[in-house]
Amino acid sequence: MHHILTGFFTGEECELLEEAREARVETQYYTMSEVSGDFEDTLTQQVPRFLVKCRGIVDRLDAKQIGKLRETFLERVKKA
């Protein structure tokens, strides 16, 4: 996300999404882990806004932009 969608999302949004993913993995696979109340509150506030932003971005993408995103993604996959 940091490399491909930087034109659409801020660094803070990318970081929040990564932290949310890590929290999900921790709670899903490691039953002793818990998500802090502060982070839960942050997610509760930020996720609805993030979802609306994602939908807005998707609605505005045209075929040319989608093709460019696919190319960028494939280039990143080849480098990995």
PDB file of N, CA and C in Angstrom:
ATOM      1  N   MET A   1       0.827  -1.190   0.000  1.00  0.00           N
ATOM      2  CA  MET A   1       0.000   0.000   0.000  1.00  0.00           C
ATOM      3  C   MET A   1       0.869   1.250   0.000  1.00  0.00           C
ATOM      4  N   HIS A   2       1.948   1.224   0.775  1.00  0.00           N
ATOM      5  CA  HIS A   2       2.852   2.384   0.827  1.00  0.00           C
ATOM      6  C   HIS A   2       3.413   2.705  -0.556  1.00  0.00           C
ATOM      7  N   HIS A   3       3.670   1.684  -1.341  1.00  0.00           N
ATOM      8  CA  HIS A   3       4.348   1.871  -2.625  1.00  0.00           C
ATOM      9  C   HIS A   3       3.399   2.077  -3.797  1.00  0.00           C
ATOM     10  N   ILE A   4       2.233   1.499  -3.717  1.00  0.00           N
ATOM     11  CA  ILE A   4       1.339   1.516  -4.871  1.00  0.00           C
ATOM     12  C   ILE A   4       0.253   2.581  -4.752  1.00  0.00           C
ATOM     13  N   LEU A   5      -0.243   2.808  -3.562  1.00  0.00           N
ATOM     14  CA  LEU A   5      -1.394   3.690  -3.395  1.00  0.00           C
ATOM     15  C   LEU A   5      -1.062   5.015  -2.713  1.00  0.00           C
ATOM     16  N   THR A   6       0.183   5.440  -2.802  1.00  0.00           N
ATOM     17  CA  THR A   6       0.589   6.675  -2.128  1.00  0.00           C
ATOM     18  C   THR A   6      -0.125   7.904  -2.669  1.00  0.00           C
ATOM     19  N   GLY A   7      -0.569   7.865  -3.902  1.00  0.00           N
ATOM     20  CA  GLY A   7      -1.295   9.001  -4.456  1.00  0.00           C
ATOM     21  C   GLY A   7      -2.715   9.112  -3.943  1.00  0.00           C
ATOM     22  N   PHE A   8      -3.182   8.077  -3.262  1.00  0.00           N
ATOM     23  CA  PHE A   8      -4.562   8.046  -2.797  1.00  0.00           C
ATOM     24  C   PHE A   8      -4.690   8.157  -1.283  1.00  0.00           C
ATOM     25  N   PHE A   9      -3.703   7.643  -0.555  1.00  0.00           N
ATOM     26  CA  PHE A   9      -3.782   7.595   0.901  1.00  0.00           C
ATOM     27  C   PHE A   9      -2.572   8.268   1.534  1.00  0.00           C
ATOM     28  N   THR A  10      -2.780   8.840   2.706  1.00  0.00           N
ATOM     29  CA  THR A  10      -1.681   9.467   3.435  1.00  0.00           C
ATOM     30  C   THR A  10      -0.841   8.385   4.110  1.00  0.00           C
ATOM     31  N   GLY A  11       0.341   8.765   4.532  1.00  0.00           N
ATOM     32  CA  GLY A  11       1.195   7.845   5.274  1.00  0.00           C
ATOM     33  C   GLY A  11       0.534   7.399   6.563  1.00  0.00           C
ATOM     34  N   GLU A  12      -0.186   8.307   7.202  1.00  0.00           N
ATOM     35  CA  GLU A  12      -0.885   7.964   8.446  1.00  0.00           C
ATOM     36  C   GLU A  12      -1.967   6.917   8.204  1.00  0.00           C
ATOM     37  N   GLU A  13      -2.679   7.040   7.085  1.00  0.00           N
ATOM     38  CA  GLU A  13      -3.710   6.054   6.765  1.00  0.00           C
ATOM     39  C   GLU A  13      -3.085   4.693   6.475  1.00  0.00           C
ATOM     40  N   CYS A  14      -1.982   4.688   5.766  1.00  0.00           N
ATOM     41  CA  CYS A  14      -1.275   3.433   5.480  1.00  0.00           C
ATOM     42  C   CYS A  14      -0.809   2.788   6.775  1.00  0.00           C
ATOM     43  N   GLU A  15      -0.282   3.586   7.671  1.00  0.00           N
ATOM     44  CA  GLU A  15       0.211   3.071   8.952  1.00  0.00           C
ATOM     45  C   GLU A  15      -0.935   2.522   9.796  1.00  0.00           C
ATOM     46  N   LEU A  16      -2.063   3.232   9.833  1.00  0.00           N
ATOM     47  CA  LEU A  16      -3.222   2.762  10.584  1.00  0.00           C
ATOM     48  C   LEU A  16      -3.699   1.417  10.046  1.00  0.00           C
ATOM     49  N   LEU A  17      -3.752   1.283   8.740  1.00  0.00           N
ATOM     50  CA  LEU A  17      -4.188   0.032   8.137  1.00  0.00           C
ATOM     51  C   LEU A  17      -3.224  -1.101   8.478  1.00  0.00           C
ATOM     52  N   GLU A  18      -1.926  -0.816   8.447  1.00  0.00           N
ATOM     53  CA  GLU A  18      -0.935  -1.836   8.801  1.00  0.00           C
ATOM     54  C   GLU A  18      -1.069  -2.239  10.267  1.00  0.00           C
ATOM     55  N   GLU A  19      -1.273  -1.267  11.146  1.00  0.00           N
ATOM     56  CA  GLU A  19      -1.449  -1.575  12.571  1.00  0.00           C
ATOM     57  C   GLU A  19      -2.720  -2.393  12.790  1.00  0.00           C
ATOM     58  N   ALA A  20      -3.774  -2.071  12.062  1.00  0.00           N
ATOM     59  CA  ALA A  20      -5.023  -2.831  12.185  1.00  0.00           C
ATOM     60  C   ALA A  20      -4.823  -4.266  11.700  1.00  0.00           C
ATOM     61  N   ARG A  21      -4.086  -4.437  10.617  1.00  0.00           N
ATOM     62  CA  ARG A  21      -3.804  -5.783  10.110  1.00  0.00           C
ATOM     63  C   ARG A  21      -3.003  -6.588  11.134  1.00  0.00           C
ATOM     64  N   GLU A  22      -1.993  -5.955  11.697  1.00  0.00           N
ATOM     65  CA  GLU A  22      -1.174  -6.635  12.704  1.00  0.00           C
ATOM     66  C   GLU A  22      -2.013  -7.025  13.918  1.00  0.00           C
ATOM     67  N   ALA A  23      -2.909  -6.137  14.347  1.00  0.00           N
ATOM     68  CA  ALA A  23      -3.778  -6.430  15.491  1.00  0.00           C
ATOM     69  C   ALA A  23      -4.702  -7.604  15.176  1.00  0.00           C
ATOM     70  N   ARG A  24      -5.223  -7.638  13.944  1.00  0.00           N
ATOM     71  CA  ARG A  24      -6.087  -8.753  13.544  1.00  0.00           C
ATOM     72  C   ARG A  24      -5.325 -10.070  13.568  1.00  0.00           C
ATOM     73  N   VAL A  25      -4.120 -10.081  13.036  1.00  0.00           N
ATOM     74  CA  VAL A  25      -3.304 -11.292  13.025  1.00  0.00           C
ATOM     75  C   VAL A  25      -3.008 -11.741  14.457  1.00  0.00           C
ATOM     76  N   GLU A  26      -2.621 -10.798  15.281  1.00  0.00           N
ATOM     77  CA  GLU A  26      -2.302 -11.130  16.679  1.00  0.00           C
ATOM     78  C   GLU A  26      -3.499 -11.747  17.392  1.00  0.00           C
ATOM     79  N   THR A  27      -4.674 -11.136  17.240  1.00  0.00           N
ATOM     80  CA  THR A  27      -5.844 -11.649  17.960  1.00  0.00           C
ATOM     81  C   THR A  27      -6.398 -12.916  17.321  1.00  0.00           C
ATOM     82  N   GLN A  28      -6.199 -13.085  16.019  1.00  0.00           N
ATOM     83  CA  GLN A  28      -6.720 -14.269  15.347  1.00  0.00           C
ATOM     84  C   GLN A  28      -5.860 -15.498  15.619  1.00  0.00           C
ATOM     85  N   TYR A  29      -4.542 -15.332  15.629  1.00  0.00           N
ATOM     86  CA  TYR A  29      -3.652 -16.481  15.732  1.00  0.00           C
ATOM     87  C   TYR A  29      -3.003 -16.658  17.102  1.00  0.00           C
ATOM     88  N   TYR A  30      -2.986 -15.618  17.881  1.00  0.00           N
ATOM     89  CA  TYR A  30      -2.351 -15.686  19.205  1.00  0.00           C
ATOM     90  C   TYR A  30      -3.384 -15.254  20.225  1.00  0.00           C
ATOM     91  N   THR A  31      -4.071 -16.227  20.800  1.00  0.00           N
ATOM     92  CA  THR A  31      -5.237 -15.945  21.638  1.00  0.00           C
ATOM     93  C   THR A  31      -4.906 -15.172  22.908  1.00  0.00           C
ATOM     94  N   MET A  32      -3.670 -15.105  23.295  1.00  0.00           N
ATOM     95  CA  MET A  32      -3.303 -14.377  24.511  1.00  0.00           C
ATOM     96  C   MET A  32      -3.147 -12.879  24.252  1.00  0.00           C
ATOM     97  N   SER A  33      -3.129 -12.475  23.015  1.00  0.00           N
ATOM     98  CA  SER A  33      -2.941 -11.066  22.678  1.00  0.00           C
ATOM     99  C   SER A  33      -4.267 -10.317  22.731  1.00  0.00           C
ATOM    100  N   GLU A  34      -4.193  -9.055  23.128  1.00  0.00           N
ATOM    101  CA  GLU A  34      -5.364  -8.196  23.152  1.00  0.00           C
ATOM    102  C   GLU A  34      -5.028  -6.878  22.488  1.00  0.00           C
ATOM    103  N   VAL A  35      -6.033  -6.251  21.912  1.00  0.00           N
ATOM    104  CA  VAL A  35      -5.875  -4.927  21.316  1.00  0.00           C
ATOM    105  C   VAL A  35      -6.178  -3.901  22.397  1.00  0.00           C
ATOM    106  N   SER A  36      -5.360  -2.876  22.492  1.00  0.00           N
ATOM    107  CA  SER A  36      -5.568  -1.863  23.524  1.00  0.00           C
ATOM    108  C   SER A  36      -6.871  -1.115  23.289  1.00  0.00           C
ATOM    109  N   GLY A  37      -7.459  -0.641  24.365  1.00  0.00           N
ATOM    110  CA  GLY A  37      -8.695   0.124  24.276  1.00  0.00           C
ATOM    111  C   GLY A  37      -8.528   1.391  23.464  1.00  0.00           C
ATOM    112  N   ASP A  38      -7.361   2.033  23.594  1.00  0.00           N
ATOM    113  CA  ASP A  38      -7.110   3.255  22.831  1.00  0.00           C
ATOM    114  C   ASP A  38      -7.099   2.972  21.334  1.00  0.00           C
ATOM    115  N   PHE A  39      -6.470   1.860  20.947  1.00  0.00           N
ATOM    116  CA  PHE A  39      -6.419   1.525  19.523  1.00  0.00           C
ATOM    117  C   PHE A  39      -7.807   1.142  19.018  1.00  0.00           C
ATOM    118  N   GLU A  40      -8.585   0.440  19.835  1.00  0.00           N
ATOM    119  CA  GLU A  40      -9.960   0.121  19.454  1.00  0.00           C
ATOM    120  C   GLU A  40     -10.757   1.396  19.208  1.00  0.00           C
ATOM    121  N   ASP A  41     -10.593   2.378  20.085  1.00  0.00           N
ATOM    122  CA  ASP A  41     -11.286   3.657  19.926  1.00  0.00           C
ATOM    123  C   ASP A  41     -10.859   4.355  18.642  1.00  0.00           C
ATOM    124  N   THR A  42      -9.561   4.330  18.361  1.00  0.00           N
ATOM    125  CA  THR A  42      -9.047   4.945  17.134  1.00  0.00           C
ATOM    126  C   THR A  42      -9.657   4.275  15.913  1.00  0.00           C
ATOM    127  N   LEU A  43      -9.682   2.946  15.912  1.00  0.00           N
ATOM    128  CA  LEU A  43     -10.268   2.223  14.777  1.00  0.00           C
ATOM    129  C   LEU A  43     -11.757   2.521  14.638  1.00  0.00           C
ATOM    130  N   THR A  44     -12.456   2.568  15.744  1.00  0.00           N
ATOM    131  CA  THR A  44     -13.890   2.855  15.715  1.00  0.00           C
ATOM    132  C   THR A  44     -14.165   4.211  15.081  1.00  0.00           C
ATOM    133  N   GLN A  45     -13.288   5.165  15.317  1.00  0.00           N
ATOM    134  CA  GLN A  45     -13.459   6.501  14.753  1.00  0.00           C
ATOM    135  C   GLN A  45     -12.989   6.580  13.304  1.00  0.00           C
ATOM    136  N   GLN A  46     -11.882   5.938  12.986  1.00  0.00           N
ATOM    137  CA  GLN A  46     -11.249   6.116  11.691  1.00  0.00           C
ATOM    138  C   GLN A  46     -11.763   5.191  10.584  1.00  0.00           C
ATOM    139  N   VAL A  47     -12.174   3.986  10.924  1.00  0.00           N
ATOM    140  CA  VAL A  47     -12.552   3.011   9.899  1.00  0.00           C
ATOM    141  C   VAL A  47     -13.730   3.485   9.036  1.00  0.00           C
ATOM    142  N   PRO A  48     -14.801   4.025   9.608  1.00  0.00           N
ATOM    143  CA  PRO A  48     -15.886   4.490   8.719  1.00  0.00           C
ATOM    144  C   PRO A  48     -15.418   5.560   7.724  1.00  0.00           C
ATOM    145  N   ARG A  49     -14.587   6.488   8.152  1.00  0.00           N
ATOM    146  CA  ARG A  49     -14.059   7.513   7.247  1.00  0.00           C
ATOM    147  C   ARG A  49     -13.176   6.884   6.169  1.00  0.00           C
ATOM    148  N   PHE A  50     -12.361   5.921   6.578  1.00  0.00           N
ATOM    149  CA  PHE A  50     -11.471   5.243   5.642  1.00  0.00           C
ATOM    150  C   PHE A  50     -12.280   4.498   4.579  1.00  0.00           C
ATOM    151  N   LEU A  51     -13.338   3.831   5.007  1.00  0.00           N
ATOM    152  CA  LEU A  51     -14.193   3.097   4.077  1.00  0.00           C
ATOM    153  C   LEU A  51     -14.834   4.043   3.060  1.00  0.00           C
ATOM    154  N   VAL A  52     -15.338   5.166   3.521  1.00  0.00           N
ATOM    155  CA  VAL A  52     -15.939   6.149   2.617  1.00  0.00           C
ATOM    156  C   VAL A  52     -14.896   6.660   1.629  1.00  0.00           C
ATOM    157  N   LYS A  53     -13.692   6.913   2.119  1.00  0.00           N
ATOM    158  CA  LYS A  53     -12.623   7.380   1.243  1.00  0.00           C
ATOM    159  C   LYS A  53     -12.294   6.318   0.186  1.00  0.00           C
ATOM    160  N   CYS A  54     -12.202   5.043   0.594  1.00  0.00           N
ATOM    161  CA  CYS A  54     -11.908   3.956  -0.347  1.00  0.00           C
ATOM    162  C   CYS A  54     -12.970   3.869  -1.428  1.00  0.00           C
ATOM    163  N   ARG A  55     -14.208   3.955  -1.023  1.00  0.00           N
ATOM    164  CA  ARG A  55     -15.297   3.882  -2.007  1.00  0.00           C
ATOM    165  C   ARG A  55     -15.237   5.058  -2.978  1.00  0.00           C
ATOM    166  N   GLY A  56     -14.916   6.234  -2.472  1.00  0.00           N
ATOM    167  CA  GLY A  56     -14.789   7.403  -3.334  1.00  0.00           C
ATOM    168  C   GLY A  56     -13.664   7.245  -4.336  1.00  0.00           C
ATOM    169  N   ILE A  57     -12.546   6.693  -3.885  1.00  0.00           N
ATOM    170  CA  ILE A  57     -11.403   6.471  -4.781  1.00  0.00           C
ATOM    171  C   ILE A  57     -11.779   5.482  -5.872  1.00  0.00           C
ATOM    172  N   VAL A  58     -12.389   4.378  -5.496  1.00  0.00           N
ATOM    173  CA  VAL A  58     -12.775   3.357  -6.466  1.00  0.00           C
ATOM    174  C   VAL A  58     -13.754   3.934  -7.487  1.00  0.00           C
ATOM    175  N   ASP A  59     -14.692   4.726  -7.016  1.00  0.00           N
ATOM    176  CA  ASP A  59     -15.685   5.306  -7.932  1.00  0.00           C
ATOM    177  C   ASP A  59     -15.058   6.251  -8.953  1.00  0.00           C
ATOM    178  N   ARG A  60     -13.953   6.897  -8.596  1.00  0.00           N
ATOM    179  CA  ARG A  60     -13.313   7.867  -9.485  1.00  0.00           C
ATOM    180  C   ARG A  60     -12.255   7.261 -10.408  1.00  0.00           C
ATOM    181  N   LEU A  61     -11.840   6.027 -10.158  1.00  0.00           N
ATOM    182  CA  LEU A  61     -10.810   5.415 -10.998  1.00  0.00           C
ATOM    183  C   LEU A  61     -11.342   5.142 -12.395  1.00  0.00           C
ATOM    184  N   ASP A  62     -10.525   5.475 -13.399  1.00  0.00           N
ATOM    185  CA  ASP A  62     -10.890   5.129 -14.774  1.00  0.00           C
ATOM    186  C   ASP A  62     -10.004   3.966 -15.235  1.00  0.00           C
ATOM    187  N   ALA A  63     -10.261   3.467 -16.417  1.00  0.00           N
ATOM    188  CA  ALA A  63      -9.546   2.292 -16.933  1.00  0.00           C
ATOM    189  C   ALA A  63      -8.044   2.543 -17.030  1.00  0.00           C
ATOM    190  N   LYS A  64      -7.647   3.737 -17.417  1.00  0.00           N
ATOM    191  CA  LYS A  64      -6.224   4.063 -17.543  1.00  0.00           C
ATOM    192  C   LYS A  64      -5.534   4.010 -16.173  1.00  0.00           C
ATOM    193  N   GLN A  65      -6.174   4.579 -15.158  1.00  0.00           N
ATOM    194  CA  GLN A  65      -5.594   4.566 -13.810  1.00  0.00           C
ATOM    195  C   GLN A  65      -5.506   3.142 -13.268  1.00  0.00           C
ATOM    196  N   ILE A  66      -6.526   2.358 -13.518  1.00  0.00           N
ATOM    197  CA  ILE A  66      -6.517   0.966 -13.059  1.00  0.00           C
ATOM    198  C   ILE A  66      -5.379   0.200 -13.731  1.00  0.00           C
ATOM    199  N   GLY A  67      -5.188   0.420 -15.032  1.00  0.00           N
ATOM    200  CA  GLY A  67      -4.083  -0.226 -15.743  1.00  0.00           C
ATOM    201  C   GLY A  67      -2.736   0.163 -15.167  1.00  0.00           C
ATOM    202  N   LYS A  68      -2.558   1.437 -14.846  1.00  0.00           N
ATOM    203  CA  LYS A  68      -1.295   1.908 -14.260  1.00  0.00           C
ATOM    204  C   LYS A  68      -1.069   1.270 -12.887  1.00  0.00           C
ATOM    205  N   LEU A  69      -2.118   1.183 -12.075  1.00  0.00           N
ATOM    206  CA  LEU A  69      -1.996   0.539 -10.767  1.00  0.00           C
ATOM    207  C   LEU A  69      -1.610  -0.933 -10.914  1.00  0.00           C
ATOM    208  N   ARG A  70      -2.184  -1.598 -11.883  1.00  0.00           N
ATOM    209  CA  ARG A  70      -1.851  -3.014 -12.129  1.00  0.00           C
ATOM    210  C   ARG A  70      -0.388  -3.162 -12.537  1.00  0.00           C
ATOM    211  N   GLU A  71       0.062  -2.282 -13.424  1.00  0.00           N
ATOM    212  CA  GLU A  71       1.463  -2.325 -13.845  1.00  0.00           C
ATOM    213  C   GLU A  71       2.397  -2.114 -12.667  1.00  0.00           C
ATOM    214  N   THR A  72       2.100  -1.125 -11.845  1.00  0.00           N
ATOM    215  CA  THR A  72       2.929  -0.836 -10.668  1.00  0.00           C
ATOM    216  C   THR A  72       2.950  -2.035  -9.733  1.00  0.00           C
ATOM    217  N   PHE A  73       1.783  -2.641  -9.518  1.00  0.00           N
ATOM    218  CA  PHE A  73       1.700  -3.813  -8.656  1.00  0.00           C
ATOM    219  C   PHE A  73       2.553  -4.958  -9.189  1.00  0.00           C
ATOM    220  N   LEU A  74       2.430  -5.229 -10.471  1.00  0.00           N
ATOM    221  CA  LEU A  74       3.203  -6.325 -11.076  1.00  0.00           C
ATOM    222  C   LEU A  74       4.698  -6.076 -11.002  1.00  0.00           C
ATOM    223  N   GLU A  75       5.111  -4.832 -11.181  1.00  0.00           N
ATOM    224  CA  GLU A  75       6.528  -4.484 -11.044  1.00  0.00           C
ATOM    225  C   GLU A  75       7.005  -4.757  -9.618  1.00  0.00           C
ATOM    226  N   ARG A  76       6.192  -4.384  -8.627  1.00  0.00           N
ATOM    227  CA  ARG A  76       6.568  -4.600  -7.232  1.00  0.00           C
ATOM    228  C   ARG A  76       6.646  -6.088  -6.916  1.00  0.00           C
ATOM    229  N   VAL A  77       5.727  -6.869  -7.470  1.00  0.00           N
ATOM    230  CA  VAL A  77       5.728  -8.320  -7.221  1.00  0.00           C
ATOM    231  C   VAL A  77       6.984  -8.956  -7.810  1.00  0.00           C
ATOM    232  N   LYS A  78       7.365  -8.524  -9.000  1.00  0.00           N
ATOM    233  CA  LYS A  78       8.563  -9.076  -9.636  1.00  0.00           C
ATOM    234  C   LYS A  78       9.824  -8.772  -8.853  1.00  0.00           C
ATOM    235  N   LYS A  79       9.859  -7.621  -8.194  1.00  0.00           N
ATOM    236  CA  LYS A  79      11.036  -7.235  -7.398  1.00  0.00           C
ATOM    237  C   LYS A  79      11.118  -8.029  -6.090  1.00  0.00           C
ATOM    238  N   ALA A  80       9.994  -8.527  -5.618  1.00  0.00           N
ATOM    239  CA  ALA A  80       9.956  -9.220  -4.313  1.00  0.00           C
ATOM    240  C   ALA A  80      10.513 -10.605  -4.370  1.00  0.00           C
TER     241      ALA A  80
END
